[in-house]
Amino acid sequence: MNRKVLFIVVVMLTLWAPLNVEAREERAPWQILDEALTYLRAHPEVAWVKFHEHKVFVSWKSRPKHFKRINRIAARKAAHALHNEVIIYSLPSNETLPKELWDYEPPFLCKTVANPQEIVESNCR
């Protein structure tokens, strides 16, 4: 009896695992980025975080002590989560992003571009 139950559990896990991976890959990029960068909202200096395709917009109330480092870590985490190049835009808190301007490059404090292997460019100081 125990062998039958164990066999059934193993078969079910074997069949379920690939479905779970496929479900993760079918999520929209913004959902993956939101999950990977949830920790940014814990920074008291962050006003809001928004996502569009492979772009992340972070609005800052004030510059934290490790501003450059925070942006680079966020870019690496985002690129690793998406398995693709990601652009992090740091914006002043008074900047807003209307839906029709998602493809517009807003005036930003700094921009960090990363792919899963490295930081491609960053002008954050």
PDB file of N, CA and C in Angstrom:
ATOM      1  N   MET A   1       0.813  -1.191   0.000  1.00  0.00           N
ATOM      2  CA  MET A   1       0.000   0.000   0.000  1.00  0.00           C
ATOM      3  C   MET A   1       0.860   1.260   0.000  1.00  0.00           C
ATOM      4  N   ASN A   2       1.874   1.320   0.868  1.00  0.00           N
ATOM      5  CA  ASN A   2       2.740   2.486   0.953  1.00  0.00           C
ATOM      6  C   ASN A   2       3.489   2.725  -0.351  1.00  0.00           C
ATOM      7  N   ARG A   3       3.879   1.674  -1.034  1.00  0.00           N
ATOM      8  CA  ARG A   3       4.588   1.817  -2.308  1.00  0.00           C
ATOM      9  C   ARG A   3       3.669   2.418  -3.370  1.00  0.00           C
ATOM     10  N   LYS A   4       2.403   2.017  -3.358  1.00  0.00           N
ATOM     11  CA  LYS A   4       1.450   2.559  -4.325  1.00  0.00           C
ATOM     12  C   LYS A   4       1.233   4.051  -4.099  1.00  0.00           C
ATOM     13  N   VAL A   5       1.081   4.426  -2.840  1.00  0.00           N
ATOM     14  CA  VAL A   5       0.882   5.842  -2.515  1.00  0.00           C
ATOM     15  C   VAL A   5       2.121   6.648  -2.902  1.00  0.00           C
ATOM     16  N   LEU A   6       3.287   6.139  -2.568  1.00  0.00           N
ATOM     17  CA  LEU A   6       4.530   6.811  -2.913  1.00  0.00           C
ATOM     18  C   LEU A   6       4.660   6.944  -4.430  1.00  0.00           C
ATOM     19  N   PHE A   7       4.338   5.896  -5.160  1.00  0.00           N
ATOM     20  CA  PHE A   7       4.400   5.917  -6.615  1.00  0.00           C
ATOM     21  C   PHE A   7       3.456   6.989  -7.190  1.00  0.00           C
ATOM     22  N   ILE A   8       2.260   7.059  -6.665  1.00  0.00           N
ATOM     23  CA  ILE A   8       1.274   8.045  -7.138  1.00  0.00           C
ATOM     24  C   ILE A   8       1.774   9.469  -6.860  1.00  0.00           C
ATOM     25  N   VAL A   9       2.329   9.687  -5.674  1.00  0.00           N
ATOM     26  CA  VAL A   9       2.845  11.013  -5.321  1.00  0.00           C
ATOM     27  C   VAL A   9       3.992  11.405  -6.250  1.00  0.00           C
ATOM     28  N   VAL A  10       4.895  10.476  -6.514  1.00  0.00           N
ATOM     29  CA  VAL A  10       6.033  10.753  -7.400  1.00  0.00           C
ATOM     30  C   VAL A  10       5.540  11.074  -8.808  1.00  0.00           C
ATOM     31  N   VAL A  11       4.597  10.330  -9.310  1.00  0.00           N
ATOM     32  CA  VAL A  11       4.049  10.575 -10.652  1.00  0.00           C
ATOM     33  C   VAL A  11       3.368  11.942 -10.702  1.00  0.00           C
ATOM     34  N   MET A  12       2.595  12.261  -9.672  1.00  0.00           N
ATOM     35  CA  MET A  12       1.898  13.553  -9.652  1.00  0.00           C
ATOM     36  C   MET A  12       2.896  14.711  -9.616  1.00  0.00           C
ATOM     37  N   LEU A  13       3.939  14.601  -8.816  1.00  0.00           N
ATOM     38  CA  LEU A  13       4.951  15.655  -8.755  1.00  0.00           C
ATOM     39  C   LEU A  13       5.697  15.788 -10.076  1.00  0.00           C
ATOM     40  N   THR A  14       5.972  14.667 -10.700  1.00  0.00           N
ATOM     41  CA  THR A  14       6.662  14.680 -12.000  1.00  0.00           C
ATOM     42  C   THR A  14       5.822  15.381 -13.054  1.00  0.00           C
ATOM     43  N   LEU A  15       4.529  15.153 -13.033  1.00  0.00           N
ATOM     44  CA  LEU A  15       3.645  15.790 -14.007  1.00  0.00           C
ATOM     45  C   LEU A  15       3.373  17.249 -13.655  1.00  0.00           C
ATOM     46  N   TRP A  16       3.342  17.589 -12.381  1.00  0.00           N
ATOM     47  CA  TRP A  16       2.998  18.933 -11.939  1.00  0.00           C
ATOM     48  C   TRP A  16       4.156  19.922 -12.115  1.00  0.00           C
ATOM     49  N   ALA A  17       5.387  19.492 -11.906  1.00  0.00           N
ATOM     50  CA  ALA A  17       6.550  20.387 -11.945  1.00  0.00           C
ATOM     51  C   ALA A  17       6.680  21.141 -13.270  1.00  0.00           C
ATOM     52  N   PRO A  18       6.607  20.485 -14.431  1.00  0.00           N
ATOM     53  CA  PRO A  18       6.712  21.246 -15.685  1.00  0.00           C
ATOM     54  C   PRO A  18       5.567  22.239 -15.868  1.00  0.00           C
ATOM     55  N   LEU A  19       4.383  21.904 -15.400  1.00  0.00           N
ATOM     56  CA  LEU A  19       3.256  22.827 -15.523  1.00  0.00           C
ATOM     57  C   LEU A  19       3.497  24.079 -14.699  1.00  0.00           C
ATOM     58  N   ASN A  20       4.090  23.931 -13.536  1.00  0.00           N
ATOM     59  CA  ASN A  20       4.391  25.062 -12.677  1.00  0.00           C
ATOM     60  C   ASN A  20       5.418  25.987 -13.336  1.00  0.00           C
ATOM     61  N   VAL A  21       6.438  25.440 -13.964  1.00  0.00           N
ATOM     62  CA  VAL A  21       7.447  26.234 -14.655  1.00  0.00           C
ATOM     63  C   VAL A  21       6.804  26.994 -15.809  1.00  0.00           C
ATOM     64  N   GLU A  22       5.967  26.334 -16.581  1.00  0.00           N
ATOM     65  CA  GLU A  22       5.290  26.985 -17.694  1.00  0.00           C
ATOM     66  C   GLU A  22       4.397  28.113 -17.203  1.00  0.00           C
ATOM     67  N   ALA A  23       3.720  27.923 -16.100  1.00  0.00           N
ATOM     68  CA  ALA A  23       2.838  28.960 -15.557  1.00  0.00           C
ATOM     69  C   ALA A  23       3.645  30.189 -15.165  1.00  0.00           C
ATOM     70  N   ARG A  24       4.831  29.989 -14.583  1.00  0.00           N
ATOM     71  CA  ARG A  24       5.683  31.118 -14.225  1.00  0.00           C
ATOM     72  C   ARG A  24       6.127  31.885 -15.450  1.00  0.00           C
ATOM     73  N   GLU A  25       6.451  31.169 -16.538  1.00  0.00           N
ATOM     74  CA  GLU A  25       6.928  31.810 -17.751  1.00  0.00           C
ATOM     75  C   GLU A  25       5.813  32.535 -18.489  1.00  0.00           C
ATOM     76  N   GLU A  26       4.561  32.199 -18.233  1.00  0.00           N
ATOM     77  CA  GLU A  26       3.446  32.834 -18.909  1.00  0.00           C
ATOM     78  C   GLU A  26       3.023  34.130 -18.233  1.00  0.00           C
ATOM     79  N   ARG A  27       3.589  34.435 -17.082  1.00  0.00           N
ATOM     80  CA  ARG A  27       3.242  35.682 -16.400  1.00  0.00           C
ATOM     81  C   ARG A  27       3.755  36.876 -17.195  1.00  0.00           C
ATOM     82  N   ALA A  28       3.061  37.980 -17.074  1.00  0.00           N
ATOM     83  CA  ALA A  28       3.487  39.207 -17.743  1.00  0.00           C
ATOM     84  C   ALA A  28       4.791  39.704 -17.119  1.00  0.00           C
ATOM     85  N   PRO A  29       5.635  40.380 -17.916  1.00  0.00           N
ATOM     86  CA  PRO A  29       6.902  40.886 -17.357  1.00  0.00           C
ATOM     87  C   PRO A  29       6.704  41.762 -16.127  1.00  0.00           C
ATOM     88  N   TRP A  30       5.650  42.585 -16.109  1.00  0.00           N
ATOM     89  CA  TRP A  30       5.451  43.466 -14.952  1.00  0.00           C
ATOM     90  C   TRP A  30       5.189  42.659 -13.688  1.00  0.00           C
ATOM     91  N   GLN A  31       4.534  41.502 -13.813  1.00  0.00           N
ATOM     92  CA  GLN A  31       4.265  40.671 -12.632  1.00  0.00           C
ATOM     93  C   GLN A  31       5.562  40.074 -12.092  1.00  0.00           C
ATOM     94  N   ILE A  32       6.422  39.643 -12.990  1.00  0.00           N
ATOM     95  CA  ILE A  32       7.722  39.080 -12.585  1.00  0.00           C
ATOM     96  C   ILE A  32       8.563  40.164 -11.911  1.00  0.00           C
ATOM     97  N   LEU A  33       8.587  41.353 -12.523  1.00  0.00           N
ATOM     98  CA  LEU A  33       9.357  42.462 -11.957  1.00  0.00           C
ATOM     99  C   LEU A  33       8.799  42.900 -10.611  1.00  0.00           C
ATOM    100  N   ASP A  34       7.492  42.954 -10.506  1.00  0.00           N
ATOM    101  CA  ASP A  34       6.859  43.350  -9.247  1.00  0.00           C
ATOM    102  C   ASP A  34       7.259  42.401  -8.124  1.00  0.00           C
ATOM    103  N   GLU A  35       7.260  41.117  -8.426  1.00  0.00           N
ATOM    104  CA  GLU A  35       7.648  40.124  -7.411  1.00  0.00           C
ATOM    105  C   GLU A  35       9.126  40.255  -7.047  1.00  0.00           C
ATOM    106  N   ALA A  36       9.980  40.471  -8.040  1.00  0.00           N
ATOM    107  CA  ALA A  36      11.422  40.546  -7.795  1.00  0.00           C
ATOM    108  C   ALA A  36      11.823  41.822  -7.054  1.00  0.00           C
ATOM    109  N   LEU A  37      11.063  42.899  -7.248  1.00  0.00           N
ATOM    110  CA  LEU A  37      11.452  44.188  -6.684  1.00  0.00           C
ATOM    111  C   LEU A  37      10.505  44.698  -5.599  1.00  0.00           C
ATOM    112  N   THR A  38       9.740  43.820  -5.016  1.00  0.00           N
ATOM    113  CA  THR A  38       8.815  44.203  -3.945  1.00  0.00           C
ATOM    114  C   THR A  38       9.544  44.913  -2.804  1.00  0.00           C
ATOM    115  N   TYR A  39      10.759  44.512  -2.533  1.00  0.00           N
ATOM    116  CA  TYR A  39      11.521  45.077  -1.423  1.00  0.00           C
ATOM    117  C   TYR A  39      11.753  46.593  -1.571  1.00  0.00           C
ATOM    118  N   LEU A  40      11.706  47.114  -2.804  1.00  0.00           N
ATOM    119  CA  LEU A  40      11.939  48.551  -2.992  1.00  0.00           C
ATOM    120  C   LEU A  40      10.918  49.405  -2.249  1.00  0.00           C
ATOM    121  N   ARG A  41       9.713  48.903  -2.157  1.00  0.00           N
ATOM    122  CA  ARG A  41       8.658  49.664  -1.480  1.00  0.00           C
ATOM    123  C   ARG A  41       8.921  49.821   0.019  1.00  0.00           C
ATOM    124  N   ALA A  42       9.817  49.026   0.547  1.00  0.00           N
ATOM    125  CA  ALA A  42      10.155  49.115   1.970  1.00  0.00           C
ATOM    126  C   ALA A  42      11.089  50.296   2.262  1.00  0.00           C
ATOM    127  N   HIS A  43      11.729  50.834   1.225  1.00  0.00           N
ATOM    128  CA  HIS A  43      12.595  52.002   1.424  1.00  0.00           C
ATOM    129  C   HIS A  43      11.727  53.227   1.689  1.00  0.00           C
ATOM    130  N   PRO A  44      11.958  53.925   2.775  1.00  0.00           N
ATOM    131  CA  PRO A  44      11.120  55.089   3.082  1.00  0.00           C
ATOM    132  C   PRO A  44      11.253  56.200   2.045  1.00  0.00           C
ATOM    133  N   GLU A  45      12.352  56.226   1.304  1.00  0.00           N
ATOM    134  CA  GLU A  45      12.556  57.268   0.301  1.00  0.00           C
ATOM    135  C   GLU A  45      11.796  57.007  -1.004  1.00  0.00           C
ATOM    136  N   VAL A  46      11.292  55.790  -1.202  1.00  0.00           N
ATOM    137  CA  VAL A  46      10.592  55.440  -2.442  1.00  0.00           C
ATOM    138  C   VAL A  46       9.134  55.893  -2.362  1.00  0.00           C
ATOM    139  N   ALA A  47       8.726  56.714  -3.338  1.00  0.00           N
ATOM    140  CA  ALA A  47       7.335  57.181  -3.395  1.00  0.00           C
ATOM    141  C   ALA A  47       6.453  56.128  -4.065  1.00  0.00           C
ATOM    142  N   TRP A  48       6.897  55.602  -5.202  1.00  0.00           N
ATOM    143  CA  TRP A  48       6.152  54.558  -5.914  1.00  0.00           C
ATOM    144  C   TRP A  48       7.075  53.823  -6.880  1.00  0.00           C
ATOM    145  N   VAL A  49       6.623  52.643  -7.300  1.00  0.00           N
ATOM    146  CA  VAL A  49       7.347  51.824  -8.288  1.00  0.00           C
ATOM    147  C   VAL A  49       6.318  51.378  -9.317  1.00  0.00           C
ATOM    148  N   LYS A  50       6.627  51.582 -10.604  1.00  0.00           N
ATOM    149  CA  LYS A  50       5.735  51.158 -11.684  1.00  0.00           C
ATOM    150  C   LYS A  50       6.533  50.375 -12.717  1.00  0.00           C
ATOM    151  N   PHE A  51       5.837  49.521 -13.440  1.00  0.00           N
ATOM    152  CA  PHE A  51       6.485  48.646 -14.412  1.00  0.00           C
ATOM    153  C   PHE A  51       5.789  48.745 -15.762  1.00  0.00           C
ATOM    154  N   HIS A  52       6.586  48.694 -16.813  1.00  0.00           N
ATOM    155  CA  HIS A  52       6.042  48.611 -18.170  1.00  0.00           C
ATOM    156  C   HIS A  52       7.039  47.815 -19.003  1.00  0.00           C
ATOM    157  N   GLU A  53       6.590  46.665 -19.458  1.00  0.00           N
ATOM    158  CA  GLU A  53       7.420  45.751 -20.231  1.00  0.00           C
ATOM    159  C   GLU A  53       8.727  45.507 -19.498  1.00  0.00           C
ATOM    160  N   HIS A  54       9.851  45.935 -20.055  1.00  0.00           N
ATOM    161  CA  HIS A  54      11.147  45.682 -19.422  1.00  0.00           C
ATOM    162  C   HIS A  54      11.712  46.942 -18.783  1.00  0.00           C
ATOM    163  N   LYS A  55      10.816  47.862 -18.457  1.00  0.00           N
ATOM    164  CA  LYS A  55      11.216  49.110 -17.817  1.00  0.00           C
ATOM    165  C   LYS A  55      10.630  49.174 -16.408  1.00  0.00           C
ATOM    166  N   VAL A  56      11.443  49.707 -15.494  1.00  0.00           N
ATOM    167  CA  VAL A  56      11.003  49.908 -14.112  1.00  0.00           C
ATOM    168  C   VAL A  56      11.186  51.383 -13.802  1.00  0.00           C
ATOM    169  N   PHE A  57      10.137  52.002 -13.285  1.00  0.00           N
ATOM    170  CA  PHE A  57      10.177  53.412 -12.912  1.00  0.00           C
ATOM    171  C   PHE A  57      10.068  53.500 -11.397  1.00  0.00           C
ATOM    172  N   VAL A  58      11.098  54.088 -10.774  1.00  0.00           N
ATOM    173  CA  VAL A  58      11.120  54.221  -9.318  1.00  0.00           C
ATOM    174  C   VAL A  58      11.123  55.709  -8.997  1.00  0.00           C
ATOM    175  N   SER A  59      10.127  56.153  -8.258  1.00  0.00           N
ATOM    176  CA  SER A  59      10.023  57.555  -7.865  1.00  0.00           C
ATOM    177  C   SER A  59      10.597  57.717  -6.460  1.00  0.00           C
ATOM    178  N   TRP A  60      11.496  58.674  -6.317  1.00  0.00           N
ATOM    179  CA  TRP A  60      12.189  58.885  -5.046  1.00  0.00           C
ATOM    180  C   TRP A  60      11.758  60.200  -4.402  1.00  0.00           C
ATOM    181  N   LYS A  61      11.365  60.135  -3.125  1.00  0.00           N
ATOM    182  CA  LYS A  61      11.044  61.343  -2.348  1.00  0.00           C
ATOM    183  C   LYS A  61      12.321  62.113  -2.042  1.00  0.00           C
ATOM    184  N   SER A  62      13.386  61.368  -1.750  1.00  0.00           N
ATOM    185  CA  SER A  62      14.710  61.934  -1.498  1.00  0.00           C
ATOM    186  C   SER A  62      15.740  60.871  -1.842  1.00  0.00           C
ATOM    187  N   ARG A  63      16.963  61.298  -2.013  1.00  0.00           N
ATOM    188  CA  ARG A  63      18.031  60.343  -2.346  1.00  0.00           C
ATOM    189  C   ARG A  63      18.532  59.650  -1.081  1.00  0.00           C
ATOM    190  N   PRO A  64      18.486  58.322  -1.082  1.00  0.00           N
ATOM    191  CA  PRO A  64      19.036  57.607   0.073  1.00  0.00           C
ATOM    192  C   PRO A  64      20.568  57.620   0.031  1.00  0.00           C
ATOM    193  N   LYS A  65      21.159  57.224   1.096  1.00  0.00           N
ATOM    194  CA  LYS A  65      22.623  57.232   1.219  1.00  0.00           C
ATOM    195  C   LYS A  65      23.282  56.382   0.121  1.00  0.00           C
ATOM    196  N   HIS A  66      22.740  55.219  -0.161  1.00  0.00           N
ATOM    197  CA  HIS A  66      23.343  54.294  -1.139  1.00  0.00           C
ATOM    198  C   HIS A  66      22.529  54.258  -2.432  1.00  0.00           C
ATOM    199  N   PHE A  67      22.198  55.425  -2.954  1.00  0.00           N
ATOM    200  CA  PHE A  67      21.335  55.556  -4.129  1.00  0.00           C
ATOM    201  C   PHE A  67      21.860  54.749  -5.329  1.00  0.00           C
ATOM    202  N   LYS A  68      23.133  54.916  -5.665  1.00  0.00           N
ATOM    203  CA  LYS A  68      23.731  54.214  -6.802  1.00  0.00           C
ATOM    204  C   LYS A  68      23.644  52.698  -6.605  1.00  0.00           C
ATOM    205  N   ARG A  69      24.005  52.256  -5.433  1.00  0.00           N
ATOM    206  CA  ARG A  69      23.998  50.813  -5.127  1.00  0.00           C
ATOM    207  C   ARG A  69      22.591  50.229  -5.205  1.00  0.00           C
ATOM    208  N   ILE A  70      21.602  50.937  -4.665  1.00  0.00           N
ATOM    209  CA  ILE A  70      20.214  50.459  -4.684  1.00  0.00           C
ATOM    210  C   ILE A  70      19.734  50.289  -6.123  1.00  0.00           C
ATOM    211  N   ASN A  71      20.047  51.260  -6.977  1.00  0.00           N
ATOM    212  CA  ASN A  71      19.645  51.183  -8.376  1.00  0.00           C
ATOM    213  C   ASN A  71      20.320  50.015  -9.094  1.00  0.00           C
ATOM    214  N   ARG A  72      21.593  49.810  -8.845  1.00  0.00           N
ATOM    215  CA  ARG A  72      22.320  48.717  -9.506  1.00  0.00           C
ATOM    216  C   ARG A  72      21.808  47.349  -9.044  1.00  0.00           C
ATOM    217  N   ILE A  73      21.542  47.205  -7.758  1.00  0.00           N
ATOM    218  CA  ILE A  73      21.011  45.938  -7.240  1.00  0.00           C
ATOM    219  C   ILE A  73      19.629  45.669  -7.824  1.00  0.00           C
ATOM    220  N   ALA A  74      18.794  46.692  -7.876  1.00  0.00           N
ATOM    221  CA  ALA A  74      17.456  46.527  -8.450  1.00  0.00           C
ATOM    222  C   ALA A  74      17.547  46.110  -9.923  1.00  0.00           C
ATOM    223  N   ALA A  75      18.456  46.719 -10.662  1.00  0.00           N
ATOM    224  CA  ALA A  75      18.626  46.375 -12.080  1.00  0.00           C
ATOM    225  C   ALA A  75      19.079  44.924 -12.241  1.00  0.00           C
ATOM    226  N   ARG A  76      20.024  44.507 -11.413  1.00  0.00           N
ATOM    227  CA  ARG A  76      20.499  43.111 -11.493  1.00  0.00           C
ATOM    228  C   ARG A  76      19.386  42.123 -11.140  1.00  0.00           C
ATOM    229  N   LYS A  77      18.663  42.407 -10.067  1.00  0.00           N
ATOM    230  CA  LYS A  77      17.572  41.507  -9.661  1.00  0.00           C
ATOM    231  C   LYS A  77      16.501  41.432 -10.740  1.00  0.00           C
ATOM    232  N   ALA A  78      16.141  42.563 -11.316  1.00  0.00           N
ATOM    233  CA  ALA A  78      15.109  42.604 -12.354  1.00  0.00           C
ATOM    234  C   ALA A  78      15.552  41.840 -13.606  1.00  0.00           C
ATOM    235  N   ALA A  79      16.771  42.073 -14.038  1.00  0.00           N
ATOM    236  CA  ALA A  79      17.285  41.386 -15.234  1.00  0.00           C
ATOM    237  C   ALA A  79      17.380  39.880 -14.999  1.00  0.00           C
ATOM    238  N   HIS A  80      17.805  39.507 -13.820  1.00  0.00           N
ATOM    239  CA  HIS A  80      17.903  38.079 -13.487  1.00  0.00           C
ATOM    240  C   HIS A  80      16.510  37.440 -13.457  1.00  0.00           C
ATOM    241  N   ALA A  81      15.549  38.136 -12.896  1.00  0.00           N
ATOM    242  CA  ALA A  81      14.187  37.591 -12.801  1.00  0.00           C
ATOM    243  C   ALA A  81      13.548  37.439 -14.180  1.00  0.00           C
ATOM    244  N   LEU A  82      13.787  38.398 -15.067  1.00  0.00           N
ATOM    245  CA  LEU A  82      13.182  38.364 -16.405  1.00  0.00           C
ATOM    246  C   LEU A  82      13.993  37.564 -17.417  1.00  0.00           C
ATOM    247  N   HIS A  83      15.269  37.313 -17.092  1.00  0.00           N
ATOM    248  CA  HIS A  83      16.186  36.663 -18.042  1.00  0.00           C
ATOM    249  C   HIS A  83      16.295  37.508 -19.302  1.00  0.00           C
ATOM    250  N   ASN A  84      16.342  38.833 -19.119  1.00  0.00           N
ATOM    251  CA  ASN A  84      16.377  39.745 -20.245  1.00  0.00           C
ATOM    252  C   ASN A  84      16.922  41.094 -19.769  1.00  0.00           C
ATOM    253  N   GLU A  85      17.222  41.960 -20.714  1.00  0.00           N
ATOM    254  CA  GLU A  85      17.695  43.294 -20.367  1.00  0.00           C
ATOM    255  C   GLU A  85      16.565  44.115 -19.749  1.00  0.00           C
ATOM    256  N   VAL A  86      16.916  44.906 -18.747  1.00  0.00           N
ATOM    257  CA  VAL A  86      15.947  45.724 -18.015  1.00  0.00           C
ATOM    258  C   VAL A  86      16.529  47.125 -17.848  1.00  0.00           C
ATOM    259  N   ILE A  87      15.641  48.122 -17.888  1.00  0.00           N
ATOM    260  CA  ILE A  87      16.055  49.503 -17.650  1.00  0.00           C
ATOM    261  C   ILE A  87      15.350  50.011 -16.399  1.00  0.00           C
ATOM    262  N   ILE A  88      16.132  50.544 -15.462  1.00  0.00           N
ATOM    263  CA  ILE A  88      15.596  51.135 -14.244  1.00  0.00           C
ATOM    264  C   ILE A  88      15.725  52.649 -14.383  1.00  0.00           C
ATOM    265  N   TYR A  89      14.602  53.345 -14.307  1.00  0.00           N
ATOM    266  CA  TYR A  89      14.593  54.802 -14.309  1.00  0.00           C
ATOM    267  C   TYR A  89      14.290  55.281 -12.897  1.00  0.00           C
ATOM    268  N   SER A  90      15.161  56.118 -12.362  1.00  0.00           N
ATOM    269  CA  SER A  90      14.905  56.744 -11.075  1.00  0.00           C
ATOM    270  C   SER A  90      14.395  58.149 -11.351  1.00  0.00           C
ATOM    271  N   LEU A  91      13.215  58.439 -10.829  1.00  0.00           N
ATOM    272  CA  LEU A  91      12.541  59.707 -11.104  1.00  0.00           C
ATOM    273  C   LEU A  91      12.364  60.518  -9.829  1.00  0.00           C
ATOM    274  N   PRO A  92      12.284  61.839  -9.968  1.00  0.00           N
ATOM    275  CA  PRO A  92      11.921  62.638  -8.792  1.00  0.00           C
ATOM    276  C   PRO A  92      10.461  62.377  -8.452  1.00  0.00           C
ATOM    277  N   SER A  93      10.102  62.527  -7.207  1.00  0.00           N
ATOM    278  CA  SER A  93       8.745  62.159  -6.761  1.00  0.00           C
ATOM    279  C   SER A  93       7.649  63.005  -7.388  1.00  0.00           C
ATOM    280  N   ASN A  94       7.978  64.185  -7.895  1.00  0.00           N
ATOM    281  CA  ASN A  94       6.950  65.026  -8.513  1.00  0.00           C
ATOM    282  C   ASN A  94       6.655  64.607  -9.956  1.00  0.00           C
ATOM    283  N   GLU A  95       7.419  63.689 -10.510  1.00  0.00           N
ATOM    284  CA  GLU A  95       7.214  63.217 -11.887  1.00  0.00           C
ATOM    285  C   GLU A  95       6.124  62.148 -11.907  1.00  0.00           C
ATOM    286  N   THR A  96       5.194  62.274 -12.834  1.00  0.00           N
ATOM    287  CA  THR A  96       4.144  61.265 -12.990  1.00  0.00           C
ATOM    288  C   THR A  96       4.261  60.645 -14.374  1.00  0.00           C
ATOM    289  N   LEU A  97       3.672  59.478 -14.534  1.00  0.00           N
ATOM    290  CA  LEU A  97       3.747  58.762 -15.805  1.00  0.00           C
ATOM    291  C   LEU A  97       2.349  58.466 -16.320  1.00  0.00           C
ATOM    292  N   PRO A  98       1.787  59.334 -17.140  1.00  0.00           N
ATOM    293  CA  PRO A  98       0.487  59.013 -17.731  1.00  0.00           C
ATOM    294  C   PRO A  98       0.598  57.773 -18.606  1.00  0.00           C
ATOM    295  N   LYS A  99      -0.461  56.995 -18.678  1.00  0.00           N
ATOM    296  CA  LYS A  99      -0.454  55.735 -19.434  1.00  0.00           C
ATOM    297  C   LYS A  99       0.022  55.922 -20.869  1.00  0.00           C
ATOM    298  N   GLU A 100      -0.370  57.032 -21.515  1.00  0.00           N
ATOM    299  CA  GLU A 100      -0.009  57.212 -22.919  1.00  0.00           C
ATOM    300  C   GLU A 100       1.472  57.551 -23.112  1.00  0.00           C
ATOM    301  N   LEU A 101       2.187  57.797 -22.022  1.00  0.00           N
ATOM    302  CA  LEU A 101       3.604  58.150 -22.136  1.00  0.00           C
ATOM    303  C   LEU A 101       4.553  57.046 -21.680  1.00  0.00           C
ATOM    304  N   TRP A 102       4.084  55.817 -21.593  1.00  0.00           N
ATOM    305  CA  TRP A 102       4.942  54.726 -21.111  1.00  0.00           C
ATOM    306  C   TRP A 102       6.202  54.581 -21.957  1.00  0.00           C
ATOM    307  N   ASP A 103       6.114  54.843 -23.256  1.00  0.00           N
ATOM    308  CA  ASP A 103       7.281  54.691 -24.112  1.00  0.00           C
ATOM    309  C   ASP A 103       8.136  55.955 -24.147  1.00  0.00           C
ATOM    310  N   TYR A 104       7.643  57.001 -23.526  1.00  0.00           N
ATOM    311  CA  TYR A 104       8.375  58.256 -23.446  1.00  0.00           C
ATOM    312  C   TYR A 104       9.434  58.139 -22.365  1.00  0.00           C
ATOM    313  N   GLU A 105      10.619  58.665 -22.635  1.00  0.00           N
ATOM    314  CA  GLU A 105      11.668  58.661 -21.620  1.00  0.00           C
ATOM    315  C   GLU A 105      11.525  59.923 -20.785  1.00  0.00           C
ATOM    316  N   PRO A 106      11.010  59.800 -19.568  1.00  0.00           N
ATOM    317  CA  PRO A 106      10.769  60.975 -18.735  1.00  0.00           C
ATOM    318  C   PRO A 106      12.084  61.589 -18.247  1.00  0.00           C
ATOM    319  N   PRO A 107      12.034  62.821 -17.765  1.00  0.00           N
ATOM    320  CA  PRO A 107      13.237  63.382 -17.140  1.00  0.00           C
ATOM    321  C   PRO A 107      13.547  62.544 -15.894  1.00  0.00           C
ATOM    322  N   PHE A 108      14.714  62.005 -15.834  1.00  0.00           N
ATOM    323  CA  PHE A 108      15.037  61.093 -14.740  1.00  0.00           C
ATOM    324  C   PHE A 108      16.277  61.537 -13.988  1.00  0.00           C
ATOM    325  N   LEU A 109      16.371  61.076 -12.751  1.00  0.00           N
ATOM    326  CA  LEU A 109      17.546  61.331 -11.930  1.00  0.00           C
ATOM    327  C   LEU A 109      18.719  60.508 -12.439  1.00  0.00           C
ATOM    328  N   CYS A 110      18.421  59.256 -12.758  1.00  0.00           N
ATOM    329  CA  CYS A 110      19.436  58.389 -13.337  1.00  0.00           C
ATOM    330  C   CYS A 110      18.779  57.202 -14.023  1.00  0.00           C
ATOM    331  N   LYS A 111      19.567  56.523 -14.829  1.00  0.00           N
ATOM    332  CA  LYS A 111      19.092  55.383 -15.618  1.00  0.00           C
ATOM    333  C   LYS A 111      20.135  54.274 -15.498  1.00  0.00           C
ATOM    334  N   THR A 112      19.668  53.063 -15.206  1.00  0.00           N
ATOM    335  CA  THR A 112      20.559  51.906 -15.107  1.00  0.00           C
ATOM    336  C   THR A 112      20.021  50.818 -16.016  1.00  0.00           C
ATOM    337  N   VAL A 113      20.885  50.312 -16.875  1.00  0.00           N
ATOM    338  CA  VAL A 113      20.532  49.241 -17.800  1.00  0.00           C
ATOM    339  C   VAL A 113      21.340  48.008 -17.410  1.00  0.00           C
ATOM    340  N   ALA A 114      20.646  46.887 -17.287  1.00  0.00           N
ATOM    341  CA  ALA A 114      21.327  45.641 -16.913  1.00  0.00           C
ATOM    342  C   ALA A 114      20.764  44.490 -17.722  1.00  0.00           C
ATOM    343  N   ASN A 115      21.644  43.526 -17.997  1.00  0.00           N
ATOM    344  CA  ASN A 115      21.185  42.250 -18.540  1.00  0.00           C
ATOM    345  C   ASN A 115      21.490  41.214 -17.475  1.00  0.00           C
ATOM    346  N   PRO A 116      21.078  39.965 -17.645  1.00  0.00           N
ATOM    347  CA  PRO A 116      21.277  38.988 -16.558  1.00  0.00           C
ATOM    348  C   PRO A 116      22.737  38.783 -16.136  1.00  0.00           C
ATOM    349  N   GLN A 117      23.680  39.139 -16.997  1.00  0.00           N
ATOM    350  CA  GLN A 117      25.089  38.915 -16.669  1.00  0.00           C
ATOM    351  C   GLN A 117      25.786  40.116 -16.044  1.00  0.00           C
ATOM    352  N   GLU A 118      25.340  41.345 -16.398  1.00  0.00           N
ATOM    353  CA  GLU A 118      26.093  42.512 -15.953  1.00  0.00           C
ATOM    354  C   GLU A 118      25.269  43.795 -16.029  1.00  0.00           C
ATOM    355  N   ILE A 119      25.837  44.841 -15.417  1.00  0.00           N
ATOM    356  CA  ILE A 119      25.289  46.185 -15.580  1.00  0.00           C
ATOM    357  C   ILE A 119      25.859  46.704 -16.895  1.00  0.00           C
ATOM    358  N   VAL A 120      25.001  47.043 -17.829  1.00  0.00           N
ATOM    359  CA  VAL A 120      25.438  47.510 -19.139  1.00  0.00           C
ATOM    360  C   VAL A 120      25.850  48.978 -19.066  1.00  0.00           C
ATOM    361  N   GLU A 121      25.000  49.792 -18.441  1.00  0.00           N
ATOM    362  CA  GLU A 121      25.311  51.200 -18.249  1.00  0.00           C
ATOM    363  C   GLU A 121      24.554  51.741 -17.049  1.00  0.00           C
ATOM    364  N   SER A 122      25.140  52.758 -16.437  1.00  0.00           N
ATOM    365  CA  SER A 122      24.480  53.416 -15.324  1.00  0.00           C
ATOM    366  C   SER A 122      25.078  54.799 -15.160  1.00  0.00           C
ATOM    367  N   ASN A 123      24.213  55.789 -15.036  1.00  0.00           N
ATOM    368  CA  ASN A 123      24.709  57.136 -14.766  1.00  0.00           C
ATOM    369  C   ASN A 123      24.302  57.592 -13.364  1.00  0.00           C
ATOM    370  N   CYS A 124      23.997  56.655 -12.503  1.00  0.00           N
ATOM    371  CA  CYS A 124      23.636  56.968 -11.115  1.00  0.00           C
ATOM    372  C   CYS A 124      24.881  57.325 -10.320  1.00  0.00           C
ATOM    373  N   ARG A 125      24.725  58.316  -9.469  1.00  0.00           N
ATOM    374  CA  ARG A 125      25.860  58.745  -8.634  1.00  0.00           C
ATOM    375  C   ARG A 125      25.494  58.665  -7.176  1.00  0.00           C
TER     376      ARG A 125
END
